[in-house]
Amino acid sequence: MIAVKAMEIRDNFKTYCDKAALGETIFVARKENGNVVIISEKEYNNMLKAIRNAEYLEKIDESITEIKHGNIISISMEDLEAMEDMTESEAKEHIAW
């Protein structure tokens, strides 16, 4: 990680963009805690992917908890096919039997 002041970024923007593109993280110190971080698009996308994966794993954990508490609905393939053309309320009524 490289830490620089905003003025240094302003004077050498291309240089720091090139460093970020090569994988370096640039921490830009600004007044009144207005600090920013410059990272490559690849690193940014990896961070977003990690967040999405964590959210997905959390949903899986919640689902496992629901299953352990018996909060499940078992539907056959035939019932799913029958519900294919139903409205949402019709489908809910169909599985409520």
PDB file of N, CA and C in Angstrom:
ATOM      1  N   MET A   1       0.854  -1.171   0.000  1.00  0.00           N
ATOM      2  CA  MET A   1       0.000   0.000   0.000  1.00  0.00           C
ATOM      3  C   MET A   1       0.898   1.232   0.000  1.00  0.00           C
ATOM      4  N   ILE A   2       0.493   2.179  -0.808  1.00  0.00           N
ATOM      5  CA  ILE A   2       1.188   3.463  -0.876  1.00  0.00           C
ATOM      6  C   ILE A   2       0.259   4.521  -0.294  1.00  0.00           C
ATOM      7  N   ALA A   3       0.790   5.344   0.613  1.00  0.00           N
ATOM      8  CA  ALA A   3      -0.006   6.428   1.187  1.00  0.00           C
ATOM      9  C   ALA A   3       0.546   7.757   0.671  1.00  0.00           C
ATOM     10  N   VAL A   4      -0.339   8.569   0.104  1.00  0.00           N
ATOM     11  CA  VAL A   4       0.075   9.867  -0.431  1.00  0.00           C
ATOM     12  C   VAL A   4      -0.974  10.925  -0.085  1.00  0.00           C
ATOM     13  N   LYS A   5      -0.560  12.161  -0.226  1.00  0.00           N
ATOM     14  CA  LYS A   5      -1.495  13.270  -0.031  1.00  0.00           C
ATOM     15  C   LYS A   5      -2.210  13.548  -1.346  1.00  0.00           C
ATOM     16  N   ALA A   6      -3.363  14.183  -1.243  1.00  0.00           N
ATOM     17  CA  ALA A   6      -4.171  14.475  -2.423  1.00  0.00           C
ATOM     18  C   ALA A   6      -3.395  15.312  -3.437  1.00  0.00           C
ATOM     19  N   MET A   7      -2.591  16.245  -2.952  1.00  0.00           N
ATOM     20  CA  MET A   7      -1.809  17.086  -3.854  1.00  0.00           C
ATOM     21  C   MET A   7      -0.835  16.258  -4.701  1.00  0.00           C
ATOM     22  N   GLU A   8      -0.250  15.247  -4.080  1.00  0.00           N
ATOM     23  CA  GLU A   8       0.678  14.359  -4.795  1.00  0.00           C
ATOM     24  C   GLU A   8      -0.062  13.591  -5.894  1.00  0.00           C
ATOM     25  N   ILE A   9      -1.267  13.149  -5.602  1.00  0.00           N
ATOM     26  CA  ILE A   9      -2.085  12.462  -6.619  1.00  0.00           C
ATOM     27  C   ILE A   9      -2.377  13.411  -7.769  1.00  0.00           C
ATOM     28  N   ARG A  10      -2.774  14.628  -7.416  1.00  0.00           N
ATOM     29  CA  ARG A  10      -3.099  15.624  -8.448  1.00  0.00           C
ATOM     30  C   ARG A  10      -1.911  15.854  -9.383  1.00  0.00           C
ATOM     31  N   ASP A  11      -0.732  15.955  -8.816  1.00  0.00           N
ATOM     32  CA  ASP A  11       0.465  16.249  -9.611  1.00  0.00           C
ATOM     33  C   ASP A  11       0.960  15.046 -10.408  1.00  0.00           C
ATOM     34  N   ASN A  12       0.638  13.836  -9.958  1.00  0.00           N
ATOM     35  CA  ASN A  12       1.175  12.621 -10.603  1.00  0.00           C
ATOM     36  C   ASN A  12       0.087  11.568 -10.816  1.00  0.00           C
ATOM     37  N   PHE A  13      -1.069  12.010 -11.258  1.00  0.00           N
ATOM     38  CA  PHE A  13      -2.231  11.135 -11.370  1.00  0.00           C
ATOM     39  C   PHE A  13      -1.958   9.905 -12.243  1.00  0.00           C
ATOM     40  N   LYS A  14      -1.384  10.091 -13.407  1.00  0.00           N
ATOM     41  CA  LYS A  14      -1.127   8.973 -14.317  1.00  0.00           C
ATOM     42  C   LYS A  14      -0.212   7.938 -13.670  1.00  0.00           C
ATOM     43  N   THR A  15       0.830   8.400 -13.011  1.00  0.00           N
ATOM     44  CA  THR A  15       1.778   7.488 -12.355  1.00  0.00           C
ATOM     45  C   THR A  15       1.065   6.607 -11.326  1.00  0.00           C
ATOM     46  N   TYR A  16       0.208   7.223 -10.508  1.00  0.00           N
ATOM     47  CA  TYR A  16      -0.484   6.455  -9.481  1.00  0.00           C
ATOM     48  C   TYR A  16      -1.563   5.548 -10.074  1.00  0.00           C
ATOM     49  N   CYS A  17      -2.204   5.981 -11.147  1.00  0.00           N
ATOM     50  CA  CYS A  17      -3.156   5.107 -11.838  1.00  0.00           C
ATOM     51  C   CYS A  17      -2.442   3.883 -12.398  1.00  0.00           C
ATOM     52  N   ASP A  18      -1.257   4.087 -12.965  1.00  0.00           N
ATOM     53  CA  ASP A  18      -0.470   2.969 -13.489  1.00  0.00           C
ATOM     54  C   ASP A  18      -0.112   1.997 -12.365  1.00  0.00           C
ATOM     55  N   LYS A  19       0.280   2.523 -11.205  1.00  0.00           N
ATOM     56  CA  LYS A  19       0.620   1.665 -10.072  1.00  0.00           C
ATOM     57  C   LYS A  19      -0.600   0.876  -9.608  1.00  0.00           C
ATOM     58  N   ALA A  20      -1.748   1.540  -9.543  1.00  0.00           N
ATOM     59  CA  ALA A  20      -2.976   0.857  -9.132  1.00  0.00           C
ATOM     60  C   ALA A  20      -3.335  -0.236 -10.137  1.00  0.00           C
ATOM     61  N   ALA A  21      -3.185   0.047 -11.413  1.00  0.00           N
ATOM     62  CA  ALA A  21      -3.494  -0.931 -12.459  1.00  0.00           C
ATOM     63  C   ALA A  21      -2.600  -2.166 -12.344  1.00  0.00           C
ATOM     64  N   LEU A  22      -1.412  -1.994 -11.767  1.00  0.00           N
ATOM     65  CA  LEU A  22      -0.493  -3.118 -11.581  1.00  0.00           C
ATOM     66  C   LEU A  22      -0.717  -3.837 -10.248  1.00  0.00           C
ATOM     67  N   GLY A  23      -1.756  -3.432  -9.522  1.00  0.00           N
ATOM     68  CA  GLY A  23      -2.099  -4.147  -8.299  1.00  0.00           C
ATOM     69  C   GLY A  23      -1.778  -3.417  -7.004  1.00  0.00           C
ATOM     70  N   GLU A  24      -1.166  -2.264  -7.088  1.00  0.00           N
ATOM     71  CA  GLU A  24      -0.840  -1.503  -5.879  1.00  0.00           C
ATOM     72  C   GLU A  24      -2.087  -0.789  -5.365  1.00  0.00           C
ATOM     73  N   THR A  25      -2.252  -0.728  -4.068  1.00  0.00           N
ATOM     74  CA  THR A  25      -3.345   0.017  -3.452  1.00  0.00           C
ATOM     75  C   THR A  25      -2.809   1.381  -3.059  1.00  0.00           C
ATOM     76  N   ILE A  26      -3.522   2.419  -3.465  1.00  0.00           N
ATOM     77  CA  ILE A  26      -3.091   3.788  -3.178  1.00  0.00           C
ATOM     78  C   ILE A  26      -4.051   4.395  -2.155  1.00  0.00           C
ATOM     79  N   PHE A  27      -3.534   4.760  -0.999  1.00  0.00           N
ATOM     80  CA  PHE A  27      -4.322   5.414   0.041  1.00  0.00           C
ATOM     81  C   PHE A  27      -4.073   6.908  -0.083  1.00  0.00           C
ATOM     82  N   VAL A  28      -5.133   7.675  -0.308  1.00  0.00           N
ATOM     83  CA  VAL A  28      -5.006   9.117  -0.494  1.00  0.00           C
ATOM     84  C   VAL A  28      -5.548   9.825   0.751  1.00  0.00           C
ATOM     85  N   ALA A  29      -4.630  10.475   1.480  1.00  0.00           N
ATOM     86  CA  ALA A  29      -5.009  11.195   2.692  1.00  0.00           C
ATOM     87  C   ALA A  29      -5.562  12.562   2.314  1.00  0.00           C
ATOM     88  N   ARG A  30      -6.757  12.865   2.850  1.00  0.00           N
ATOM     89  CA  ARG A  30      -7.402  14.143   2.588  1.00  0.00           C
ATOM     90  C   ARG A  30      -7.829  14.765   3.906  1.00  0.00           C
ATOM     91  N   LYS A  31      -8.158  16.024   3.872  1.00  0.00           N
ATOM     92  CA  LYS A  31      -8.569  16.744   5.068  1.00  0.00           C
ATOM     93  C   LYS A  31      -9.886  16.194   5.610  1.00  0.00           C
ATOM     94  N   GLU A  32     -10.059  16.368   6.911  1.00  0.00           N
ATOM     95  CA  GLU A  32     -11.312  16.037   7.600  1.00  0.00           C
ATOM     96  C   GLU A  32     -11.781  14.606   7.341  1.00  0.00           C
ATOM     97  N   ASN A  33     -10.874  13.658   7.382  1.00  0.00           N
ATOM     98  CA  ASN A  33     -11.186  12.231   7.202  1.00  0.00           C
ATOM     99  C   ASN A  33     -11.886  11.931   5.884  1.00  0.00           C
ATOM    100  N   GLY A  34     -11.610  12.707   4.865  1.00  0.00           N
ATOM    101  CA  GLY A  34     -12.175  12.459   3.539  1.00  0.00           C
ATOM    102  C   GLY A  34     -11.267  11.572   2.716  1.00  0.00           C
ATOM    103  N   ASN A  35     -10.586  10.645   3.368  1.00  0.00           N
ATOM    104  CA  ASN A  35      -9.620   9.783   2.698  1.00  0.00           C
ATOM    105  C   ASN A  35     -10.283   8.873   1.667  1.00  0.00           C
ATOM    106  N   VAL A  36      -9.530   8.539   0.638  1.00  0.00           N
ATOM    107  CA  VAL A  36     -10.010   7.623  -0.397  1.00  0.00           C
ATOM    108  C   VAL A  36      -8.925   6.603  -0.701  1.00  0.00           C
ATOM    109  N   VAL A  37      -9.345   5.524  -1.343  1.00  0.00           N
ATOM    110  CA  VAL A  37      -8.421   4.475  -1.746  1.00  0.00           C
ATOM    111  C   VAL A  37      -8.586   4.266  -3.244  1.00  0.00           C
ATOM    112  N   ILE A  38      -7.480   4.163  -3.940  1.00  0.00           N
ATOM    113  CA  ILE A  38      -7.501   3.891  -5.375  1.00  0.00           C
ATOM    114  C   ILE A  38      -7.012   2.458  -5.580  1.00  0.00           C
ATOM    115  N   ILE A  39      -7.849   1.668  -6.255  1.00  0.00           N
ATOM    116  CA  ILE A  39      -7.499   0.287  -6.566  1.00  0.00           C
ATOM    117  C   ILE A  39      -7.811   0.020  -8.036  1.00  0.00           C
ATOM    118  N   SER A  40      -7.278  -1.066  -8.549  1.00  0.00           N
ATOM    119  CA  SER A  40      -7.546  -1.424  -9.941  1.00  0.00           C
ATOM    120  C   SER A  40      -8.972  -1.929 -10.093  1.00  0.00           C
ATOM    121  N   GLU A  41      -9.465  -1.900 -11.316  1.00  0.00           N
ATOM    122  CA  GLU A  41     -10.800  -2.434 -11.597  1.00  0.00           C
ATOM    123  C   GLU A  41     -10.865  -3.917 -11.248  1.00  0.00           C
ATOM    124  N   LYS A  42      -9.784  -4.634 -11.525  1.00  0.00           N
ATOM    125  CA  LYS A  42      -9.739  -6.070 -11.221  1.00  0.00           C
ATOM    126  C   LYS A  42      -9.905  -6.299  -9.718  1.00  0.00           C
ATOM    127  N   GLU A  43      -9.193  -5.524  -8.909  1.00  0.00           N
ATOM    128  CA  GLU A  43      -9.295  -5.660  -7.457  1.00  0.00           C
ATOM    129  C   GLU A  43     -10.699  -5.284  -6.970  1.00  0.00           C
ATOM    130  N   TYR A  44     -11.247  -4.234  -7.551  1.00  0.00           N
ATOM    131  CA  TYR A  44     -12.604  -3.805  -7.211  1.00  0.00           C
ATOM    132  C   TYR A  44     -13.605  -4.918  -7.517  1.00  0.00           C
ATOM    133  N   ASN A  45     -13.504  -5.513  -8.695  1.00  0.00           N
ATOM    134  CA  ASN A  45     -14.410  -6.605  -9.084  1.00  0.00           C
ATOM    135  C   ASN A  45     -14.252  -7.812  -8.157  1.00  0.00           C
ATOM    136  N   ASN A  46     -12.995  -8.098  -7.750  1.00  0.00           N
ATOM    137  CA  ASN A  46     -12.766  -9.203  -6.813  1.00  0.00           C
ATOM    138  C   ASN A  46     -13.424  -8.925  -5.465  1.00  0.00           C
ATOM    139  N   MET A  47     -13.381  -7.677  -5.020  1.00  0.00           N
ATOM    140  CA  MET A  47     -14.020  -7.312  -3.757  1.00  0.00           C
ATOM    141  C   MET A  47     -15.533  -7.470  -3.857  1.00  0.00           C
ATOM    142  N   LEU A  48     -16.118  -7.015  -4.962  1.00  0.00           N
ATOM    143  CA  LEU A  48     -17.564  -7.170  -5.157  1.00  0.00           C
ATOM    144  C   LEU A  48     -17.953  -8.641  -5.191  1.00  0.00           C
ATOM    145  N   LYS A  49     -17.145  -9.452  -5.852  1.00  0.00           N
ATOM    146  CA  LYS A  49     -17.418 -10.887  -5.931  1.00  0.00           C
ATOM    147  C   LYS A  49     -17.366 -11.511  -4.540  1.00  0.00           C
ATOM    148  N   ALA A  50     -16.388 -11.114  -3.740  1.00  0.00           N
ATOM    149  CA  ALA A  50     -16.272 -11.644  -2.375  1.00  0.00           C
ATOM    150  C   ALA A  50     -17.489 -11.263  -1.539  1.00  0.00           C
ATOM    151  N   ILE A  51     -17.977 -10.043  -1.710  1.00  0.00           N
ATOM    152  CA  ILE A  51     -19.168  -9.599  -0.984  1.00  0.00           C
ATOM    153  C   ILE A  51     -20.375 -10.414  -1.409  1.00  0.00           C
ATOM    154  N   ARG A  52     -20.539 -10.590  -2.727  1.00  0.00           N
ATOM    155  CA  ARG A  52     -21.678 -11.384  -3.220  1.00  0.00           C
ATOM    156  C   ARG A  52     -21.594 -12.826  -2.728  1.00  0.00           C
ATOM    157  N   ASN A  53     -20.384 -13.392  -2.729  1.00  0.00           N
ATOM    158  CA  ASN A  53     -20.213 -14.764  -2.243  1.00  0.00           C
ATOM    159  C   ASN A  53     -20.572 -14.869  -0.765  1.00  0.00           C
ATOM    160  N   ALA A  54     -20.155 -13.888   0.027  1.00  0.00           N
ATOM    161  CA  ALA A  54     -20.470 -13.894   1.462  1.00  0.00           C
ATOM    162  C   ALA A  54     -21.980 -13.804   1.673  1.00  0.00           C
ATOM    163  N   GLU A  55     -22.652 -12.958   0.888  1.00  0.00           N
ATOM    164  CA  GLU A  55     -24.112 -12.845   0.996  1.00  0.00           C
ATOM    165  C   GLU A  55     -24.783 -14.158   0.612  1.00  0.00           C
ATOM    166  N   TYR A  56     -24.273 -14.807  -0.427  1.00  0.00           N
ATOM    167  CA  TYR A  56     -24.831 -16.079  -0.877  1.00  0.00           C
ATOM    168  C   TYR A  56     -24.645 -17.151   0.199  1.00  0.00           C
ATOM    169  N   LEU A  57     -23.446 -17.210   0.780  1.00  0.00           N
ATOM    170  CA  LEU A  57     -23.190 -18.194   1.829  1.00  0.00           C
ATOM    171  C   LEU A  57     -24.073 -17.941   3.052  1.00  0.00           C
ATOM    172  N   GLU A  58     -24.338 -16.686   3.354  1.00  0.00           N
ATOM    173  CA  GLU A  58     -25.232 -16.351   4.465  1.00  0.00           C
ATOM    174  C   GLU A  58     -26.648 -16.869   4.184  1.00  0.00           C
ATOM    175  N   LYS A  59     -27.099 -16.726   2.937  1.00  0.00           N
ATOM    176  CA  LYS A  59     -28.425 -17.238   2.569  1.00  0.00           C
ATOM    177  C   LYS A  59     -28.466 -18.761   2.694  1.00  0.00           C
ATOM    178  N   ILE A  60     -27.386 -19.416   2.318  1.00  0.00           N
ATOM    179  CA  ILE A  60     -27.329 -20.877   2.453  1.00  0.00           C
ATOM    180  C   ILE A  60     -27.401 -21.263   3.929  1.00  0.00           C
ATOM    181  N   ASP A  61     -26.657 -20.536   4.782  1.00  0.00           N
ATOM    182  CA  ASP A  61     -26.698 -20.808   6.224  1.00  0.00           C
ATOM    183  C   ASP A  61     -28.111 -20.612   6.778  1.00  0.00           C
ATOM    184  N   GLU A  62     -28.784 -19.544   6.340  1.00  0.00           N
ATOM    185  CA  GLU A  62     -30.163 -19.301   6.782  1.00  0.00           C
ATOM    186  C   GLU A  62     -31.074 -20.440   6.333  1.00  0.00           C
ATOM    187  N   SER A  63     -30.874 -20.919   5.106  1.00  0.00           N
ATOM    188  CA  SER A  63     -31.684 -22.021   4.586  1.00  0.00           C
ATOM    189  C   SER A  63     -31.456 -23.292   5.393  1.00  0.00           C
ATOM    190  N   ILE A  64     -30.222 -23.565   5.735  1.00  0.00           N
ATOM    191  CA  ILE A  64     -29.909 -24.760   6.537  1.00  0.00           C
ATOM    192  C   ILE A  64     -30.591 -24.666   7.898  1.00  0.00           C
ATOM    193  N   THR A  65     -30.576 -23.486   8.493  1.00  0.00           N
ATOM    194  CA  THR A  65     -31.249 -23.276   9.773  1.00  0.00           C
ATOM    195  C   THR A  65     -32.747 -23.528   9.638  1.00  0.00           C
ATOM    196  N   GLU A  66     -33.356 -23.017   8.559  1.00  0.00           N
ATOM    197  CA  GLU A  66     -34.782 -23.241   8.323  1.00  0.00           C
ATOM    198  C   GLU A  66     -35.084 -24.731   8.170  1.00  0.00           C
ATOM    199  N   ILE A  67     -34.247 -25.437   7.458  1.00  0.00           N
ATOM    200  CA  ILE A  67     -34.434 -26.879   7.268  1.00  0.00           C
ATOM    201  C   ILE A  67     -34.346 -27.601   8.611  1.00  0.00           C
ATOM    202  N   LYS A  68     -33.354 -27.224   9.433  1.00  0.00           N
ATOM    203  CA  LYS A  68     -33.192 -27.862  10.743  1.00  0.00           C
ATOM    204  C   LYS A  68     -34.401 -27.625  11.643  1.00  0.00           C
ATOM    205  N   HIS A  69     -35.085 -26.495  11.451  1.00  0.00           N
ATOM    206  CA  HIS A  69     -36.275 -26.190  12.236  1.00  0.00           C
ATOM    207  C   HIS A  69     -37.550 -26.764  11.595  1.00  0.00           C
ATOM    208  N   GLY A  70     -37.389 -27.469  10.494  1.00  0.00           N
ATOM    209  CA  GLY A  70     -38.533 -28.104   9.841  1.00  0.00           C
ATOM    210  C   GLY A  70     -39.373 -27.166   9.002  1.00  0.00           C
ATOM    211  N   ASN A  71     -38.864 -26.003   8.701  1.00  0.00           N
ATOM    212  CA  ASN A  71     -39.606 -25.029   7.896  1.00  0.00           C
ATOM    213  C   ASN A  71     -39.363 -25.272   6.409  1.00  0.00           C
ATOM    214  N   ILE A  72     -39.925 -26.372   5.915  1.00  0.00           N
ATOM    215  CA  ILE A  72     -39.735 -26.724   4.505  1.00  0.00           C
ATOM    216  C   ILE A  72     -41.071 -27.084   3.879  1.00  0.00           C
ATOM    217  N   ILE A  73     -41.099 -27.020   2.571  1.00  0.00           N
ATOM    218  CA  ILE A  73     -42.254 -27.464   1.800  1.00  0.00           C
ATOM    219  C   ILE A  73     -41.717 -28.454   0.769  1.00  0.00           C
ATOM    220  N   SER A  74     -42.327 -29.609   0.707  1.00  0.00           N
ATOM    221  CA  SER A  74     -41.918 -30.618  -0.258  1.00  0.00           C
ATOM    222  C   SER A  74     -42.932 -30.627  -1.396  1.00  0.00           C
ATOM    223  N   ILE A  75     -42.453 -30.412  -2.612  1.00  0.00           N
ATOM    224  CA  ILE A  75     -43.335 -30.354  -3.783  1.00  0.00           C
ATOM    225  C   ILE A  75     -42.781 -31.300  -4.849  1.00  0.00           C
ATOM    226  N   SER A  76     -43.663 -32.095  -5.416  1.00  0.00           N
ATOM    227  CA  SER A  76     -43.238 -33.021  -6.466  1.00  0.00           C
ATOM    228  C   SER A  76     -43.043 -32.269  -7.775  1.00  0.00           C
ATOM    229  N   MET A  77     -42.362 -32.896  -8.690  1.00  0.00           N
ATOM    230  CA  MET A  77     -42.142 -32.317 -10.009  1.00  0.00           C
ATOM    231  C   MET A  77     -43.484 -32.122 -10.718  1.00  0.00           C
ATOM    232  N   GLU A  78     -44.397 -33.038 -10.520  1.00  0.00           N
ATOM    233  CA  GLU A  78     -45.715 -32.926 -11.149  1.00  0.00           C
ATOM    234  C   GLU A  78     -46.441 -31.678 -10.631  1.00  0.00           C
ATOM    235  N   ASP A  79     -46.354 -31.432  -9.312  1.00  0.00           N
ATOM    236  CA  ASP A  79     -46.988 -30.235  -8.757  1.00  0.00           C
ATOM    237  C   ASP A  79     -46.334 -28.963  -9.296  1.00  0.00           C
ATOM    238  N   LEU A  80     -45.018 -28.980  -9.410  1.00  0.00           N
ATOM    239  CA  LEU A  80     -44.328 -27.804  -9.953  1.00  0.00           C
ATOM    240  C   LEU A  80     -44.768 -27.533 -11.384  1.00  0.00           C
ATOM    241  N   GLU A  81     -44.863 -28.591 -12.166  1.00  0.00           N
ATOM    242  CA  GLU A  81     -45.301 -28.425 -13.553  1.00  0.00           C
ATOM    243  C   GLU A  81     -46.741 -27.921 -13.616  1.00  0.00           C
ATOM    244  N   ALA A  82     -47.591 -28.419 -12.708  1.00  0.00           N
ATOM    245  CA  ALA A  82     -48.981 -27.975 -12.672  1.00  0.00           C
ATOM    246  C   ALA A  82     -49.079 -26.501 -12.287  1.00  0.00           C
ATOM    247  N   MET A  83     -48.174 -26.032 -11.467  1.00  0.00           N
ATOM    248  CA  MET A  83     -48.196 -24.647 -10.998  1.00  0.00           C
ATOM    249  C   MET A  83     -47.566 -23.667 -11.991  1.00  0.00           C
ATOM    250  N   GLU A  84     -46.944 -24.189 -13.025  1.00  0.00           N
ATOM    251  CA  GLU A  84     -46.207 -23.371 -13.988  1.00  0.00           C
ATOM    252  C   GLU A  84     -47.043 -22.233 -14.577  1.00  0.00           C
ATOM    253  N   ASP A  85     -48.279 -22.485 -14.900  1.00  0.00           N
ATOM    254  CA  ASP A  85     -49.126 -21.482 -15.536  1.00  0.00           C
ATOM    255  C   ASP A  85     -50.086 -20.793 -14.571  1.00  0.00           C
ATOM    256  N   MET A  86     -49.917 -21.040 -13.283  1.00  0.00           N
ATOM    257  CA  MET A  86     -50.792 -20.441 -12.280  1.00  0.00           C
ATOM    258  C   MET A  86     -50.301 -19.061 -11.871  1.00  0.00           C
ATOM    259  N   THR A  87     -51.222 -18.275 -11.360  1.00  0.00           N
ATOM    260  CA  THR A  87     -50.819 -17.011 -10.743  1.00  0.00           C
ATOM    261  C   THR A  87     -50.182 -17.343  -9.397  1.00  0.00           C
ATOM    262  N   GLU A  88     -49.550 -16.364  -8.797  1.00  0.00           N
ATOM    263  CA  GLU A  88     -48.903 -16.596  -7.515  1.00  0.00           C
ATOM    264  C   GLU A  88     -49.912 -17.030  -6.450  1.00  0.00           C
ATOM    265  N   SER A  89     -51.050 -16.368  -6.409  1.00  0.00           N
ATOM    266  CA  SER A  89     -52.059 -16.727  -5.394  1.00  0.00           C
ATOM    267  C   SER A  89     -52.606 -18.130  -5.639  1.00  0.00           C
ATOM    268  N   GLU A  90     -52.805 -18.516  -6.892  1.00  0.00           N
ATOM    269  CA  GLU A  90     -53.274 -19.877  -7.214  1.00  0.00           C
ATOM    270  C   GLU A  90     -52.232 -20.917  -6.790  1.00  0.00           C
ATOM    271  N   ALA A  91     -50.972 -20.595  -7.045  1.00  0.00           N
ATOM    272  CA  ALA A  91     -49.898 -21.527  -6.680  1.00  0.00           C
ATOM    273  C   ALA A  91     -49.813 -21.709  -5.164  1.00  0.00           C
ATOM    274  N   LYS A  92     -49.948 -20.584  -4.429  1.00  0.00           N
ATOM    275  CA  LYS A  92     -49.912 -20.672  -2.963  1.00  0.00           C
ATOM    276  C   LYS A  92     -51.077 -21.511  -2.452  1.00  0.00           C
ATOM    277  N   GLU A  93     -52.240 -21.334  -3.067  1.00  0.00           N
ATOM    278  CA  GLU A  93     -53.411 -22.113  -2.668  1.00  0.00           C
ATOM    279  C   GLU A  93     -53.200 -23.583  -2.982  1.00  0.00           C
ATOM    280  N   HIS A  94     -52.575 -23.869  -4.101  1.00  0.00           N
ATOM    281  CA  HIS A  94     -52.317 -25.241  -4.540  1.00  0.00           C
ATOM    282  C   HIS A  94     -51.400 -25.962  -3.555  1.00  0.00           C
ATOM    283  N   ILE A  95     -50.367 -25.285  -3.076  1.00  0.00           N
ATOM    284  CA  ILE A  95     -49.422 -25.955  -2.168  1.00  0.00           C
ATOM    285  C   ILE A  95     -49.881 -25.919  -0.721  1.00  0.00           C
ATOM    286  N   ALA A  96     -50.950 -25.173  -0.435  1.00  0.00           N
ATOM    287  CA  ALA A  96     -51.447 -25.089   0.932  1.00  0.00           C
ATOM    288  C   ALA A  96     -52.293 -26.287   1.323  1.00  0.00           C
ATOM    289  N   TRP A  97     -52.619 -27.171   0.338  1.00  0.00           N
ATOM    290  CA  TRP A  97     -53.474 -28.301   0.666  1.00  0.00           C
ATOM    291  C   TRP A  97     -52.857 -29.032   1.750  1.00  0.00           C
TER     292      TRP A  97
END
